[in-house]
C-alpha atoms as a PDB file:
ATOM      1  CA  MET A   1       0.000   0.000   0.000  1.00  0.00           C
ATOM      2  CA  LYS A   2       1.346   3.409  -0.971  1.00  0.00           C
ATOM      3  CA  ASN A   3       1.478   6.389   1.339  1.00  0.00           C
ATOM      4  CA  VAL A   4      -1.206   9.044   0.740  1.00  0.00           C
ATOM      5  CA  TYR A   5       1.396  11.624  -0.228  1.00  0.00           C
ATOM      6  CA  ASP A   6       3.075   9.206  -2.674  1.00  0.00           C
ATOM      7  CA  ILE A   7      -0.201   9.213  -4.620  1.00  0.00           C
ATOM      8  CA  ILE A   8      -1.041  12.935  -4.306  1.00  0.00           C
ATOM      9  CA  ARG A   9       2.059  14.808  -5.455  1.00  0.00           C
ATOM     10  CA  ARG A  10       0.913  18.452  -5.377  1.00  0.00           C
ATOM     11  CA  PRO A  11      -2.072  20.680  -6.206  1.00  0.00           C
ATOM     12  CA  VAL A  12      -2.276  22.312  -9.628  1.00  0.00           C
ATOM     13  CA  ILE A  13      -2.646  26.072  -9.122  1.00  0.00           C
ATOM     14  CA  THR A  14      -3.769  27.643 -12.399  1.00  0.00           C
ATOM     15  CA  GLU A  15      -6.404  30.168 -13.365  1.00  0.00           C
ATOM     16  CA  GLN A  16      -8.649  27.468 -14.801  1.00  0.00           C
ATOM     17  CA  SER A  17      -8.307  25.125 -11.817  1.00  0.00           C
ATOM     18  CA  MET A  18      -9.033  27.938  -9.349  1.00  0.00           C
ATOM     19  CA  GLU A  19     -12.301  28.800 -11.139  1.00  0.00           C
ATOM     20  CA  SER A  20     -13.552  25.247 -10.617  1.00  0.00           C
ATOM     21  CA  VAL A  21     -12.984  25.411  -6.835  1.00  0.00           C
ATOM     22  CA  ALA A  22     -16.405  27.089  -6.505  1.00  0.00           C
ATOM     23  CA  ASP A  23     -17.964  23.885  -7.937  1.00  0.00           C
ATOM     24  CA  LYS A  24     -15.985  21.765  -5.427  1.00  0.00           C
ATOM     25  CA  LYS A  25     -13.583  20.514  -8.109  1.00  0.00           C
ATOM     26  CA  TYR A  26      -9.901  20.328  -7.174  1.00  0.00           C
ATOM     27  CA  VAL A  27      -6.967  19.478  -9.451  1.00  0.00           C
ATOM     28  CA  PHE A  28      -3.919  17.537  -8.271  1.00  0.00           C
ATOM     29  CA  MET A  29      -0.787  16.118  -9.863  1.00  0.00           C
ATOM     30  CA  VAL A  30      -0.792  12.438  -8.924  1.00  0.00           C
ATOM     31  CA  ASP A  31       1.416   9.378  -9.276  1.00  0.00           C
ATOM     32  CA  VAL A  32       1.431   8.067 -12.864  1.00  0.00           C
ATOM     33  CA  ASP A  33       0.660   4.525 -11.689  1.00  0.00           C
ATOM     34  CA  ALA A  34      -2.226   5.509  -9.365  1.00  0.00           C
ATOM     35  CA  ASN A  35      -5.763   4.536 -10.393  1.00  0.00           C
ATOM     36  CA  LYS A  36      -9.006   6.382  -9.648  1.00  0.00           C
ATOM     37  CA  THR A  37      -9.926   4.347  -6.567  1.00  0.00           C
ATOM     38  CA  GLU A  38      -6.481   4.907  -5.024  1.00  0.00           C
ATOM     39  CA  ILE A  39      -6.717   8.657  -5.751  1.00  0.00           C
ATOM     40  CA  LYS A  40     -10.212   8.827  -4.227  1.00  0.00           C
ATOM     41  CA  ALA A  41      -9.098   7.035  -1.047  1.00  0.00           C
ATOM     42  CA  ALA A  42      -5.964   9.203  -0.743  1.00  0.00           C
ATOM     43  CA  VAL A  43      -7.880  12.509  -1.051  1.00  0.00           C
ATOM     44  CA  GLU A  44     -10.534  11.365   1.437  1.00  0.00           C
ATOM     45  CA  GLN A  45      -7.877  10.303   3.935  1.00  0.00           C
ATOM     46  CA  ALA A  46      -5.596  13.334   3.513  1.00  0.00           C
ATOM     47  CA  PHE A  47      -8.256  16.066   3.637  1.00  0.00           C
ATOM     48  CA  GLY A  48     -11.189  14.407   5.444  1.00  0.00           C
ATOM     49  CA  VAL A  49     -13.709  15.024   2.643  1.00  0.00           C
ATOM     50  CA  LYS A  50     -16.169  12.908   0.616  1.00  0.00           C
ATOM     51  CA  VAL A  51     -15.223  12.397  -3.037  1.00  0.00           C
ATOM     52  CA  ALA A  52     -18.010  11.959  -5.596  1.00  0.00           C
ATOM     53  CA  LYS A  53     -15.963  11.519  -8.769  1.00  0.00           C
ATOM     54  CA  VAL A  54     -12.372  11.384 -10.032  1.00  0.00           C
ATOM     55  CA  ASN A  55     -11.340  12.200 -13.611  1.00  0.00           C
ATOM     56  CA  THR A  56      -7.754  11.563 -14.702  1.00  0.00           C
ATOM     57  CA  VAL A  57      -5.660  12.594 -17.701  1.00  0.00           C
ATOM     58  CA  ARG A  58      -2.107  11.684 -18.702  1.00  0.00           C
ATOM     59  CA  MET A  59      -0.130  14.765 -19.724  1.00  0.00           C
ATOM     60  CA  GLN A  60       2.781  14.387 -22.138  1.00  0.00           C
ATOM     61  CA  GLY A  61       5.983  16.230 -21.302  1.00  0.00           C
ATOM     62  CA  LYS A  62       6.715  19.253 -23.472  1.00  0.00           C
ATOM     63  CA  VAL A  63       9.753  19.376 -25.749  1.00  0.00           C
ATOM     64  CA  LYS A  64      11.997  22.236 -24.663  1.00  0.00           C
ATOM     65  CA  ARG A  65      14.938  23.912 -26.359  1.00  0.00           C
ATOM     66  CA  THR A  66      18.258  23.609 -24.581  1.00  0.00           C
ATOM     67  CA  GLY A  67      20.478  25.991 -26.533  1.00  0.00           C
ATOM     68  CA  ALA A  68      22.995  24.363 -28.868  1.00  0.00           C
ATOM     69  CA  TYR A  69      22.150  20.844 -27.682  1.00  0.00           C
ATOM     70  CA  PRO A  70      19.314  18.691 -29.018  1.00  0.00           C
ATOM     71  CA  ALA A  71      15.903  19.443 -27.579  1.00  0.00           C
ATOM     72  CA  GLY A  72      15.232  18.191 -24.067  1.00  0.00           C
ATOM     73  CA  ARG A  73      11.920  16.988 -22.697  1.00  0.00           C
ATOM     74  CA  ARG A  74       9.972  17.766 -19.549  1.00  0.00           C
ATOM     75  CA  ALA A  75       8.671  14.793 -17.600  1.00  0.00           C
ATOM     76  CA  ALA A  76       5.231  13.367 -18.372  1.00  0.00           C
ATOM     77  CA  TYR A  77       2.759  13.400 -15.471  1.00  0.00           C
ATOM     78  CA  LYS A  78      -0.806  12.501 -14.512  1.00  0.00           C
ATOM     79  CA  LYS A  79      -3.460  15.004 -13.466  1.00  0.00           C
ATOM     80  CA  ALA A  80      -6.598  14.210 -11.454  1.00  0.00           C
ATOM     81  CA  VAL A  81      -9.726  16.376 -11.198  1.00  0.00           C
ATOM     82  CA  VAL A  82     -11.451  15.438  -7.934  1.00  0.00           C
ATOM     83  CA  THR A  83     -15.127  16.390  -7.511  1.00  0.00           C
ATOM     84  CA  LEU A  84     -16.477  16.446  -3.960  1.00  0.00           C
ATOM     85  CA  THR A  85     -20.044  15.587  -2.930  1.00  0.00           C
ATOM     86  CA  ALA A  86     -22.504  18.426  -2.313  1.00  0.00           C
ATOM     87  CA  ASP A  87     -22.621  17.783   1.463  1.00  0.00           C
ATOM     88  CA  SER A  88     -18.839  17.488   1.826  1.00  0.00           C
ATOM     89  CA  LYS A  89     -16.736  20.213   3.415  1.00  0.00           C
ATOM     90  CA  THR A  90     -14.250  22.095   1.220  1.00  0.00           C
ATOM     91  CA  ILE A  91     -10.479  21.643   1.188  1.00  0.00           C
ATOM     92  CA  GLU A  92      -9.082  24.528   3.250  1.00  0.00           C
ATOM     93  CA  PHE A  93      -5.759  24.535   1.388  1.00  0.00           C
ATOM     94  CA  PHE A  94      -7.413  26.176  -1.627  1.00  0.00           C
ATOM     95  CA  GLU A  95      -9.493  28.731   0.289  1.00  0.00           C
ATOM     96  CA  GLY A  96      -7.001  31.609   0.406  1.00  0.00           C
ATOM     97  CA  MET A  97      -6.085  31.332  -3.282  1.00  0.00           C
ATOM     98  CA  VAL A  98      -9.465  31.986  -4.877  1.00  0.00           C
END
C-alpha cells in the first residue's frame, strides 16, 4: 500500500483550476501509476472530505529547447480532477487562493 502523499504529489494552481474550486472541483498532480480508486481514497484520507468523482488525464511532457544541444523533454505526469459531494466540506488549502 502506498502512502497518501506518494499518490497525491501536489495541487495544480492555475487560473482554470481555481475557477472550478467554486464547484468543489480540485486538481492535483498524482502518481502516474495511481488509479481512480487509489486517488479517491488518498484525497478522502488526507483532507477528510467525501469524493463523488475522479477524472484523470495523462499529460505528455513538453519538448523544450536547450540551446545548442538537441531538444530536451519535460517529464510526463498525470493530473486528477477530484469532484467532492454536495454535502462534503471544502479543502481549506485552496481557500485563500481563490
